[in-house]
């Protein structure tokens, strides 16, 4: 698997521009990667490589008042790790690819995309570019419930474990030995 370059990454991550989404990557500084997730959820975090990010709330008043907006930061960092891990389920790479595609759709529902079959190949290619930054041996976690590993992300996703103040939030956490990323979409 080839690692993406800055240009291919920017093009791939751009598929989230039309959504209320936060998509970015930071360096992995902790054995327990949930602490790196906390870093990502603070608005000022930029991509560790200096590459493109997507952050719907960057520079917005809500973010200026609360740096982690729209995320809710539970309690102490140590307790937070347990709370957040309990809300995430590990999924295989193939499921992560499909979930990345679903997260790019307006309703996080592929079945509502009238031109999905025409766009599917291009969206899947972009999802694979995003995943290529996380080599074999990386781990992927979704907040879509206990059946996340077998869920068909090309069907309506109706269950999730919330991480934010928004009505709906669906997210994927990507974890390698050196980086932690997230793609989080909101309705």
N, C-alpha and C. Protein backbone atom coordinates (compact mmCIF):
# COMPACT_ATOMS: atom_id res chain seq x y z
N UNK A 1 0.84 -1.17 0.00
CA UNK A 1 0.00 0.00 0.00
C UNK A 1 0.89 1.24 0.00
N UNK A 2 0.70 2.10 -1.00
CA UNK A 2 1.47 3.33 -1.09
C UNK A 2 0.87 4.39 -0.19
N UNK A 3 1.74 5.16 0.45
CA UNK A 3 1.28 6.26 1.29
C UNK A 3 0.93 7.44 0.38
N UNK A 4 -0.10 8.22 0.75
CA UNK A 4 -0.49 9.34 -0.12
C UNK A 4 0.53 10.47 -0.06
N UNK A 5 0.50 11.31 -1.09
CA UNK A 5 1.27 12.54 -1.03
C UNK A 5 0.31 13.67 -0.65
N UNK A 6 0.85 14.85 -0.45
CA UNK A 6 0.02 15.97 0.03
C UNK A 6 -1.12 16.30 -0.94
N UNK A 7 -0.85 16.23 -2.22
CA UNK A 7 -1.85 16.56 -3.22
C UNK A 7 -3.00 15.55 -3.23
N UNK A 8 -2.67 14.25 -3.24
CA UNK A 8 -3.73 13.23 -3.26
C UNK A 8 -4.52 13.25 -1.96
N UNK A 9 -3.84 13.54 -0.84
CA UNK A 9 -4.54 13.66 0.45
C UNK A 9 -5.55 14.82 0.40
N UNK A 10 -5.11 15.97 -0.09
CA UNK A 10 -5.98 17.15 -0.15
C UNK A 10 -7.21 16.88 -1.00
N UNK A 11 -7.01 16.22 -2.11
CA UNK A 11 -8.14 15.89 -2.99
C UNK A 11 -9.09 14.92 -2.29
N UNK A 12 -8.55 13.91 -1.63
CA UNK A 12 -9.39 12.91 -0.97
C UNK A 12 -10.16 13.51 0.19
N UNK A 13 -9.49 14.26 1.04
CA UNK A 13 -10.13 14.83 2.23
C UNK A 13 -11.16 15.90 1.84
N UNK A 14 -11.01 16.43 0.63
CA UNK A 14 -11.95 17.42 0.12
C UNK A 14 -13.37 16.90 -0.04
N UNK A 15 -13.55 15.59 -0.06
CA UNK A 15 -14.91 15.07 -0.20
C UNK A 15 -15.79 15.39 1.01
N UNK A 16 -15.18 15.90 2.08
CA UNK A 16 -15.96 16.26 3.27
C UNK A 16 -16.28 17.75 3.35
N UNK A 17 -15.83 18.53 2.39
CA UNK A 17 -16.05 19.98 2.41
C UNK A 17 -17.53 20.36 2.42
N UNK A 18 -18.37 19.60 1.78
CA UNK A 18 -19.79 19.98 1.69
C UNK A 18 -20.60 19.52 2.89
N UNK A 19 -19.96 18.92 3.86
CA UNK A 19 -20.63 18.44 5.07
C UNK A 19 -20.15 19.23 6.28
N UNK A 20 -20.92 19.18 7.35
CA UNK A 20 -20.46 19.70 8.63
C UNK A 20 -19.54 18.63 9.20
N UNK A 21 -18.25 18.75 8.90
CA UNK A 21 -17.29 17.68 9.21
C UNK A 21 -16.02 18.27 9.78
N UNK A 22 -15.37 17.45 10.62
CA UNK A 22 -14.01 17.73 11.07
C UNK A 22 -13.18 16.51 10.67
N UNK A 23 -12.15 16.74 9.88
CA UNK A 23 -11.29 15.66 9.41
C UNK A 23 -9.84 16.12 9.50
N UNK A 24 -9.06 15.46 10.34
CA UNK A 24 -7.66 15.85 10.51
C UNK A 24 -6.88 14.74 11.18
N UNK A 25 -5.55 14.91 11.20
CA UNK A 25 -4.63 13.91 11.74
C UNK A 25 -3.59 14.61 12.61
N UNK A 26 -3.25 13.98 13.72
CA UNK A 26 -2.20 14.48 14.59
C UNK A 26 -1.19 13.36 14.84
N UNK A 27 -0.07 13.71 15.43
CA UNK A 27 0.90 12.67 15.76
C UNK A 27 0.39 11.88 16.96
N UNK A 28 0.81 10.63 17.02
CA UNK A 28 0.45 9.79 18.16
C UNK A 28 1.52 9.97 19.22
N UNK A 29 1.12 10.57 20.32
CA UNK A 29 2.05 10.86 21.40
C UNK A 29 1.84 10.00 22.63
N UNK A 30 0.76 9.25 22.68
CA UNK A 30 0.42 8.46 23.85
C UNK A 30 0.19 7.00 23.47
N UNK A 31 0.59 6.12 24.36
CA UNK A 31 0.30 4.70 24.14
C UNK A 31 -1.21 4.50 24.03
N UNK A 32 -1.95 5.16 24.94
CA UNK A 32 -3.40 5.15 24.88
C UNK A 32 -3.84 6.27 23.94
N UNK A 33 -4.12 5.93 22.70
CA UNK A 33 -4.41 6.89 21.64
C UNK A 33 -5.63 7.78 21.93
N UNK A 34 -6.46 7.43 22.88
CA UNK A 34 -7.61 8.26 23.19
C UNK A 34 -7.17 9.65 23.65
N UNK A 35 -6.01 9.74 24.28
CA UNK A 35 -5.50 11.05 24.68
C UNK A 35 -5.12 11.89 23.45
N UNK A 36 -4.69 11.24 22.38
CA UNK A 36 -4.43 11.95 21.13
C UNK A 36 -5.74 12.38 20.48
N UNK A 37 -6.79 11.58 20.66
CA UNK A 37 -8.11 11.94 20.15
C UNK A 37 -8.57 13.25 20.81
N UNK A 38 -8.30 13.39 22.08
CA UNK A 38 -8.65 14.63 22.79
C UNK A 38 -7.94 15.83 22.12
N UNK A 39 -6.69 15.64 21.75
CA UNK A 39 -5.94 16.69 21.05
C UNK A 39 -6.64 17.05 19.74
N UNK A 40 -7.06 16.04 18.99
CA UNK A 40 -7.74 16.29 17.71
C UNK A 40 -9.04 17.05 17.90
N UNK A 41 -9.72 16.80 18.99
CA UNK A 41 -11.02 17.41 19.21
C UNK A 41 -10.93 18.87 19.63
N UNK A 42 -9.74 19.34 19.93
CA UNK A 42 -9.55 20.76 20.19
C UNK A 42 -9.31 21.47 18.86
N UNK A 43 -10.03 22.53 18.65
CA UNK A 43 -10.07 23.19 17.36
C UNK A 43 -8.76 23.63 16.76
N UNK A 44 -7.79 24.01 17.57
CA UNK A 44 -6.55 24.56 17.04
C UNK A 44 -5.59 23.54 16.48
N UNK A 45 -5.89 22.27 16.60
CA UNK A 45 -4.99 21.22 16.14
C UNK A 45 -4.89 21.23 14.62
N UNK A 46 -3.69 21.33 14.12
CA UNK A 46 -3.45 21.28 12.67
C UNK A 46 -2.87 19.92 12.32
N UNK A 47 -2.87 19.60 11.05
CA UNK A 47 -2.34 18.32 10.59
C UNK A 47 -0.85 18.24 10.92
N UNK A 48 -0.44 17.09 11.44
CA UNK A 48 0.94 16.90 11.87
C UNK A 48 1.94 17.07 10.72
N UNK A 49 1.52 16.78 9.51
CA UNK A 49 2.40 16.93 8.34
C UNK A 49 2.21 18.29 7.66
N UNK A 50 1.29 19.07 8.17
CA UNK A 50 0.99 20.35 7.54
C UNK A 50 0.06 20.22 6.35
N UNK A 51 -0.59 19.07 6.21
CA UNK A 51 -1.47 18.82 5.08
C UNK A 51 -2.86 19.39 5.36
N UNK A 52 -3.69 19.35 4.33
CA UNK A 52 -5.05 19.90 4.39
C UNK A 52 -5.87 19.21 5.48
N UNK A 53 -6.69 20.01 6.15
CA UNK A 53 -7.68 19.50 7.09
C UNK A 53 -9.04 20.07 6.68
N UNK A 54 -10.09 19.48 7.23
CA UNK A 54 -11.43 20.01 7.06
C UNK A 54 -11.95 20.24 8.47
N UNK A 55 -12.40 21.46 8.73
CA UNK A 55 -12.92 21.78 10.06
C UNK A 55 -14.00 22.85 9.90
N UNK A 56 -15.22 22.41 9.87
CA UNK A 56 -16.38 23.29 9.66
C UNK A 56 -16.42 24.45 10.65
N UNK A 57 -15.91 24.26 11.86
CA UNK A 57 -16.03 25.28 12.89
C UNK A 57 -14.75 26.10 13.09
N UNK A 58 -13.75 25.91 12.27
CA UNK A 58 -12.51 26.67 12.42
C UNK A 58 -12.80 28.17 12.32
N UNK A 59 -12.42 28.92 13.36
CA UNK A 59 -12.62 30.36 13.38
C UNK A 59 -14.02 30.82 13.73
N UNK A 60 -14.95 29.90 13.93
CA UNK A 60 -16.33 30.27 14.28
C UNK A 60 -16.43 30.69 15.74
N UNK A 61 -17.42 31.49 16.05
CA UNK A 61 -17.62 31.99 17.40
C UNK A 61 -17.77 30.85 18.42
N UNK A 62 -18.55 29.83 18.06
CA UNK A 62 -18.73 28.69 18.98
C UNK A 62 -17.39 28.10 19.39
N UNK A 63 -16.47 28.01 18.45
CA UNK A 63 -15.15 27.43 18.71
C UNK A 63 -14.31 28.38 19.54
N UNK A 64 -14.44 29.66 19.30
CA UNK A 64 -13.66 30.63 20.08
C UNK A 64 -14.08 30.60 21.55
N UNK A 65 -15.37 30.39 21.80
CA UNK A 65 -15.87 30.32 23.17
C UNK A 65 -15.52 29.00 23.85
N UNK A 66 -15.51 27.91 23.07
CA UNK A 66 -15.21 26.58 23.61
C UNK A 66 -14.31 25.86 22.60
N UNK A 67 -13.00 25.75 22.87
CA UNK A 67 -12.05 25.21 21.91
C UNK A 67 -12.36 23.80 21.40
N UNK A 68 -13.12 23.03 22.14
CA UNK A 68 -13.43 21.67 21.69
C UNK A 68 -14.77 21.58 20.96
N UNK A 69 -15.49 22.70 20.80
CA UNK A 69 -16.79 22.66 20.14
C UNK A 69 -16.67 22.03 18.77
N UNK A 70 -17.57 21.15 18.40
CA UNK A 70 -18.83 20.75 19.00
C UNK A 70 -18.73 19.54 19.95
N UNK A 71 -17.52 19.10 20.24
CA UNK A 71 -17.35 17.92 21.08
C UNK A 71 -17.56 18.25 22.55
N UNK A 72 -18.02 17.26 23.29
CA UNK A 72 -18.19 17.37 24.73
C UNK A 72 -17.03 16.61 25.36
N UNK A 73 -16.26 17.29 26.19
CA UNK A 73 -15.11 16.68 26.85
C UNK A 73 -15.53 16.16 28.22
N UNK A 74 -15.63 14.84 28.36
CA UNK A 74 -16.05 14.30 29.66
C UNK A 74 -14.94 14.36 30.69
N UNK A 75 -15.23 14.95 31.83
CA UNK A 75 -14.39 14.92 33.02
C UNK A 75 -12.89 14.99 32.84
N UNK A 76 -12.21 14.28 33.70
CA UNK A 76 -10.75 14.23 33.70
C UNK A 76 -10.24 13.40 32.52
N UNK A 77 -9.05 13.73 32.01
CA UNK A 77 -8.52 12.98 30.87
C UNK A 77 -8.43 11.47 31.08
N UNK A 78 -8.10 11.02 32.28
CA UNK A 78 -7.99 9.57 32.52
C UNK A 78 -9.37 8.93 32.45
N UNK A 79 -10.36 9.54 33.10
CA UNK A 79 -11.72 9.03 33.04
C UNK A 79 -12.30 9.11 31.64
N UNK A 80 -11.92 10.14 30.93
CA UNK A 80 -12.40 10.34 29.57
C UNK A 80 -12.00 9.18 28.67
N UNK A 81 -10.81 8.67 28.83
CA UNK A 81 -10.35 7.55 28.01
C UNK A 81 -11.31 6.37 28.13
N UNK A 82 -11.72 6.06 29.33
CA UNK A 82 -12.64 4.95 29.53
C UNK A 82 -14.01 5.24 28.93
N UNK A 83 -14.50 6.47 29.11
CA UNK A 83 -15.81 6.85 28.56
C UNK A 83 -15.77 6.76 27.04
N UNK A 84 -14.77 7.37 26.42
CA UNK A 84 -14.72 7.37 24.96
C UNK A 84 -14.49 5.99 24.38
N UNK A 85 -13.61 5.21 24.96
CA UNK A 85 -13.38 3.85 24.43
C UNK A 85 -14.64 3.02 24.48
N UNK A 86 -15.46 3.23 25.51
CA UNK A 86 -16.71 2.46 25.62
C UNK A 86 -17.71 2.86 24.53
N UNK A 87 -17.54 4.01 23.91
CA UNK A 87 -18.45 4.48 22.87
C UNK A 87 -17.95 4.16 21.46
N UNK A 88 -16.80 3.54 21.35
CA UNK A 88 -16.21 3.22 20.05
C UNK A 88 -16.08 1.72 19.89
N UNK A 89 -16.26 1.25 18.67
CA UNK A 89 -16.10 -0.18 18.36
C UNK A 89 -15.12 -0.31 17.21
N UNK A 90 -14.22 -1.27 17.35
CA UNK A 90 -13.23 -1.49 16.30
C UNK A 90 -13.90 -2.10 15.07
N UNK A 91 -13.49 -1.62 13.90
CA UNK A 91 -14.02 -2.15 12.65
C UNK A 91 -12.85 -2.49 11.72
N UNK A 92 -13.05 -3.45 10.80
CA UNK A 92 -11.98 -3.79 9.85
C UNK A 92 -11.79 -2.69 8.80
N UNK A 93 -10.65 -2.73 8.14
CA UNK A 93 -10.29 -1.73 7.13
C UNK A 93 -11.37 -1.59 6.05
N UNK A 94 -11.91 -2.68 5.57
CA UNK A 94 -12.93 -2.61 4.50
C UNK A 94 -14.17 -1.86 4.99
N UNK A 95 -14.56 -2.09 6.25
CA UNK A 95 -15.69 -1.36 6.82
C UNK A 95 -15.34 0.12 6.97
N UNK A 96 -14.10 0.40 7.36
CA UNK A 96 -13.66 1.79 7.50
C UNK A 96 -13.75 2.50 6.15
N UNK A 97 -13.40 1.83 5.07
CA UNK A 97 -13.51 2.43 3.73
C UNK A 97 -14.95 2.81 3.42
N UNK A 98 -15.85 1.89 3.67
CA UNK A 98 -17.27 2.14 3.39
C UNK A 98 -17.83 3.24 4.30
N UNK A 99 -17.38 3.25 5.54
CA UNK A 99 -17.85 4.28 6.47
C UNK A 99 -17.34 5.66 6.06
N UNK A 100 -16.09 5.74 5.61
CA UNK A 100 -15.56 7.01 5.10
C UNK A 100 -16.41 7.53 3.94
N UNK A 101 -16.85 6.64 3.08
CA UNK A 101 -17.73 7.03 1.97
C UNK A 101 -19.06 7.55 2.53
N UNK A 102 -19.66 6.79 3.43
CA UNK A 102 -20.96 7.20 4.00
C UNK A 102 -20.85 8.55 4.70
N UNK A 103 -19.73 8.79 5.40
CA UNK A 103 -19.54 10.06 6.11
C UNK A 103 -19.48 11.26 5.16
N UNK A 104 -19.24 11.01 3.89
CA UNK A 104 -19.15 12.11 2.92
C UNK A 104 -20.51 12.47 2.32
N UNK A 105 -21.54 11.67 2.59
CA UNK A 105 -22.85 11.92 2.00
C UNK A 105 -23.65 12.90 2.87
N UNK A 106 -24.54 13.68 2.26
CA UNK A 106 -25.25 14.71 3.01
C UNK A 106 -26.02 14.22 4.24
N UNK A 107 -26.61 13.08 4.19
CA UNK A 107 -27.39 12.59 5.33
C UNK A 107 -26.71 11.41 6.01
N UNK A 108 -25.44 11.18 5.69
CA UNK A 108 -24.71 10.00 6.18
C UNK A 108 -25.57 8.77 5.89
N UNK A 109 -26.11 8.79 4.69
CA UNK A 109 -27.03 7.74 4.25
C UNK A 109 -26.87 7.59 2.74
N UNK A 110 -26.12 6.60 2.34
CA UNK A 110 -25.83 6.36 0.93
C UNK A 110 -27.12 6.14 0.14
N UNK A 111 -28.15 5.56 0.75
CA UNK A 111 -29.40 5.26 0.04
C UNK A 111 -30.12 6.53 -0.40
N UNK A 112 -29.79 7.68 0.19
CA UNK A 112 -30.43 8.95 -0.20
C UNK A 112 -29.63 9.70 -1.26
N UNK A 113 -28.54 9.12 -1.71
CA UNK A 113 -27.71 9.74 -2.74
C UNK A 113 -28.22 9.33 -4.12
N UNK A 114 -28.86 10.22 -4.84
CA UNK A 114 -29.45 9.83 -6.12
C UNK A 114 -28.42 9.37 -7.15
N UNK A 115 -27.21 9.90 -7.09
CA UNK A 115 -26.20 9.55 -8.08
C UNK A 115 -25.07 8.71 -7.47
N UNK A 116 -25.38 7.99 -6.40
CA UNK A 116 -24.32 7.28 -5.69
C UNK A 116 -23.60 6.26 -6.59
N UNK A 117 -24.32 5.48 -7.34
CA UNK A 117 -23.66 4.45 -8.15
C UNK A 117 -22.70 5.07 -9.16
N UNK A 118 -23.03 6.26 -9.68
CA UNK A 118 -22.14 6.93 -10.61
C UNK A 118 -20.89 7.47 -9.90
N UNK A 119 -21.04 7.87 -8.66
CA UNK A 119 -19.95 8.47 -7.88
C UNK A 119 -19.21 7.47 -7.00
N UNK A 120 -19.75 6.30 -6.85
CA UNK A 120 -19.24 5.32 -5.89
C UNK A 120 -17.75 5.03 -6.06
N UNK A 121 -17.33 4.73 -7.26
CA UNK A 121 -15.92 4.37 -7.49
C UNK A 121 -14.98 5.51 -7.08
N UNK A 122 -15.34 6.74 -7.44
CA UNK A 122 -14.52 7.88 -7.08
C UNK A 122 -14.45 8.11 -5.58
N UNK A 123 -15.59 7.96 -4.90
CA UNK A 123 -15.62 8.11 -3.45
C UNK A 123 -14.81 7.02 -2.75
N UNK A 124 -14.93 5.79 -3.25
CA UNK A 124 -14.16 4.69 -2.66
C UNK A 124 -12.67 4.88 -2.89
N UNK A 125 -12.29 5.42 -4.04
CA UNK A 125 -10.88 5.70 -4.30
C UNK A 125 -10.36 6.74 -3.31
N UNK A 126 -11.13 7.78 -3.06
CA UNK A 126 -10.73 8.80 -2.09
C UNK A 126 -10.63 8.21 -0.68
N UNK A 127 -11.57 7.35 -0.33
CA UNK A 127 -11.52 6.71 0.99
C UNK A 127 -10.26 5.85 1.13
N UNK A 128 -9.89 5.16 0.07
CA UNK A 128 -8.66 4.34 0.11
C UNK A 128 -7.41 5.21 0.24
N UNK A 129 -7.43 6.39 -0.37
CA UNK A 129 -6.30 7.32 -0.21
C UNK A 129 -6.18 7.73 1.26
N UNK A 130 -7.30 8.07 1.89
CA UNK A 130 -7.28 8.43 3.30
C UNK A 130 -6.74 7.27 4.13
N UNK A 131 -7.23 6.08 3.87
CA UNK A 131 -6.79 4.90 4.62
C UNK A 131 -5.32 4.57 4.38
N UNK A 132 -4.80 4.94 3.22
CA UNK A 132 -3.40 4.60 2.89
C UNK A 132 -2.41 5.33 3.79
N UNK A 133 -2.85 6.37 4.43
CA UNK A 133 -1.99 7.07 5.39
C UNK A 133 -1.82 6.23 6.67
N UNK A 134 -2.66 5.25 6.84
CA UNK A 134 -2.65 4.37 8.01
C UNK A 134 -2.33 2.96 7.52
N UNK A 135 -1.06 2.54 7.66
CA UNK A 135 -0.60 1.29 7.06
C UNK A 135 -1.24 0.05 7.69
N UNK A 136 -0.98 -1.08 7.06
CA UNK A 136 -1.44 -2.35 7.62
C UNK A 136 -1.03 -2.41 9.09
N UNK A 137 -1.90 -2.97 9.92
CA UNK A 137 -1.64 -3.01 11.35
C UNK A 137 -2.28 -1.86 12.09
N UNK A 138 -2.82 -0.87 11.35
CA UNK A 138 -3.54 0.23 11.97
C UNK A 138 -4.91 -0.27 12.42
N UNK A 139 -5.54 0.54 13.28
CA UNK A 139 -6.84 0.17 13.82
C UNK A 139 -7.84 1.29 13.55
N UNK A 140 -9.10 0.89 13.39
CA UNK A 140 -10.16 1.83 13.05
C UNK A 140 -11.33 1.62 14.00
N UNK A 141 -11.90 2.74 14.46
CA UNK A 141 -12.95 2.68 15.46
C UNK A 141 -14.10 3.59 15.05
N UNK A 142 -15.33 3.06 15.15
CA UNK A 142 -16.53 3.81 14.79
C UNK A 142 -17.41 3.97 16.03
N UNK A 143 -18.19 5.02 16.04
CA UNK A 143 -19.11 5.25 17.15
C UNK A 143 -20.53 4.81 16.82
N UNK A 144 -20.67 3.81 15.97
CA UNK A 144 -21.99 3.38 15.48
C UNK A 144 -22.55 2.16 16.20
N UNK A 145 -22.06 1.85 17.38
CA UNK A 145 -22.66 0.80 18.18
C UNK A 145 -21.95 -0.54 18.12
N UNK A 146 -22.49 -1.47 18.86
CA UNK A 146 -21.84 -2.78 19.04
C UNK A 146 -21.74 -3.59 17.75
N UNK A 147 -22.59 -3.32 16.77
CA UNK A 147 -22.54 -4.09 15.51
C UNK A 147 -21.74 -3.36 14.43
N UNK A 148 -20.92 -2.41 14.82
CA UNK A 148 -20.15 -1.61 13.85
C UNK A 148 -19.29 -2.45 12.91
N UNK A 149 -18.70 -3.51 13.42
CA UNK A 149 -17.77 -4.32 12.61
C UNK A 149 -18.48 -5.06 11.47
N UNK A 150 -19.78 -5.29 11.60
CA UNK A 150 -20.51 -6.02 10.56
C UNK A 150 -21.59 -5.16 9.90
N UNK A 151 -21.71 -3.92 10.32
CA UNK A 151 -22.73 -3.02 9.77
C UNK A 151 -22.48 -2.78 8.28
N UNK A 152 -23.55 -2.66 7.52
CA UNK A 152 -23.44 -2.29 6.12
C UNK A 152 -23.56 -0.77 6.04
N UNK A 153 -22.44 -0.10 5.89
CA UNK A 153 -22.43 1.36 5.86
C UNK A 153 -22.99 1.94 4.57
N UNK A 154 -23.38 1.07 3.64
CA UNK A 154 -24.06 1.55 2.45
C UNK A 154 -25.58 1.44 2.62
N UNK A 155 -26.02 1.17 3.81
CA UNK A 155 -27.42 1.26 4.20
C UNK A 155 -27.53 2.37 5.24
N UNK A 156 -28.73 2.78 5.55
CA UNK A 156 -28.94 3.87 6.51
C UNK A 156 -28.27 3.54 7.85
N UNK A 157 -27.49 4.48 8.36
CA UNK A 157 -26.86 4.34 9.67
C UNK A 157 -27.75 5.09 10.66
N UNK A 158 -28.35 4.35 11.58
CA UNK A 158 -29.33 4.99 12.45
C UNK A 158 -28.92 5.00 13.93
N UNK A 159 -27.90 4.27 14.28
CA UNK A 159 -27.49 4.24 15.68
C UNK A 159 -26.08 4.77 15.85
N UNK A 160 -25.84 5.47 16.94
CA UNK A 160 -24.52 6.01 17.22
C UNK A 160 -24.40 6.31 18.70
N UNK A 161 -23.18 6.41 19.15
CA UNK A 161 -22.87 6.84 20.51
C UNK A 161 -22.35 8.27 20.41
N UNK A 162 -23.05 9.23 21.01
CA UNK A 162 -22.72 10.64 20.81
C UNK A 162 -21.41 11.07 21.49
N UNK A 163 -20.75 12.00 20.83
CA UNK A 163 -19.53 12.63 21.33
C UNK A 163 -19.66 14.15 21.35
N UNK A 164 -20.81 14.67 20.93
CA UNK A 164 -20.92 16.12 20.74
C UNK A 164 -22.24 16.67 21.25
N UNK A 165 -22.36 17.98 21.13
CA UNK A 165 -23.59 18.67 21.48
C UNK A 165 -24.56 18.71 20.29
N UNK A 166 -24.14 18.24 19.15
CA UNK A 166 -24.97 18.25 17.95
C UNK A 166 -26.02 17.13 18.05
N UNK A 167 -27.10 17.26 17.27
CA UNK A 167 -28.17 16.27 17.31
C UNK A 167 -27.66 14.89 16.88
N UNK A 168 -26.87 14.85 15.81
CA UNK A 168 -26.30 13.60 15.32
C UNK A 168 -24.81 13.81 15.11
N UNK A 169 -24.01 12.84 15.51
CA UNK A 169 -22.59 12.88 15.16
C UNK A 169 -22.11 11.46 14.91
N UNK A 170 -21.47 11.30 13.78
CA UNK A 170 -20.96 10.00 13.35
C UNK A 170 -19.47 10.16 13.08
N UNK A 171 -18.64 9.27 13.63
CA UNK A 171 -17.22 9.45 13.45
C UNK A 171 -16.43 8.17 13.32
N UNK A 172 -15.27 8.33 12.71
CA UNK A 172 -14.30 7.26 12.56
C UNK A 172 -12.97 7.76 13.10
N UNK A 173 -12.35 6.94 13.93
CA UNK A 173 -11.02 7.23 14.46
C UNK A 173 -10.06 6.26 13.78
N UNK A 174 -8.94 6.79 13.29
CA UNK A 174 -7.94 6.00 12.57
C UNK A 174 -6.65 6.05 13.39
N UNK A 175 -6.09 4.89 13.73
CA UNK A 175 -4.95 4.84 14.65
C UNK A 175 -3.83 3.99 14.06
N UNK A 176 -2.66 4.61 13.88
CA UNK A 176 -1.45 3.87 13.48
C UNK A 176 -0.45 3.97 14.62
N UNK A 177 0.72 3.44 14.43
CA UNK A 177 1.77 3.54 15.44
C UNK A 177 2.26 4.98 15.61
N UNK A 178 2.11 5.81 14.56
CA UNK A 178 2.68 7.16 14.60
C UNK A 178 1.67 8.30 14.50
N UNK A 179 0.43 8.00 14.06
CA UNK A 179 -0.55 9.06 13.86
C UNK A 179 -1.94 8.61 14.33
N UNK A 180 -2.75 9.60 14.69
CA UNK A 180 -4.16 9.37 15.02
C UNK A 180 -4.97 10.37 14.21
N UNK A 181 -5.98 9.88 13.53
CA UNK A 181 -6.82 10.75 12.72
C UNK A 181 -8.28 10.56 13.08
N UNK A 182 -9.09 11.49 12.61
CA UNK A 182 -10.53 11.34 12.77
C UNK A 182 -11.24 12.01 11.60
N UNK A 183 -12.36 11.42 11.26
CA UNK A 183 -13.31 12.02 10.33
C UNK A 183 -14.63 11.97 11.07
N UNK A 184 -15.15 13.15 11.41
CA UNK A 184 -16.38 13.22 12.22
C UNK A 184 -17.37 14.13 11.50
N UNK A 185 -18.54 13.57 11.18
CA UNK A 185 -19.57 14.34 10.48
C UNK A 185 -20.78 14.53 11.37
N UNK A 186 -21.43 15.66 11.19
CA UNK A 186 -22.53 16.07 12.05
C UNK A 186 -23.74 16.44 11.22
N UNK A 187 -24.92 16.26 11.85
CA UNK A 187 -26.17 16.74 11.25
C UNK A 187 -26.81 17.65 12.26
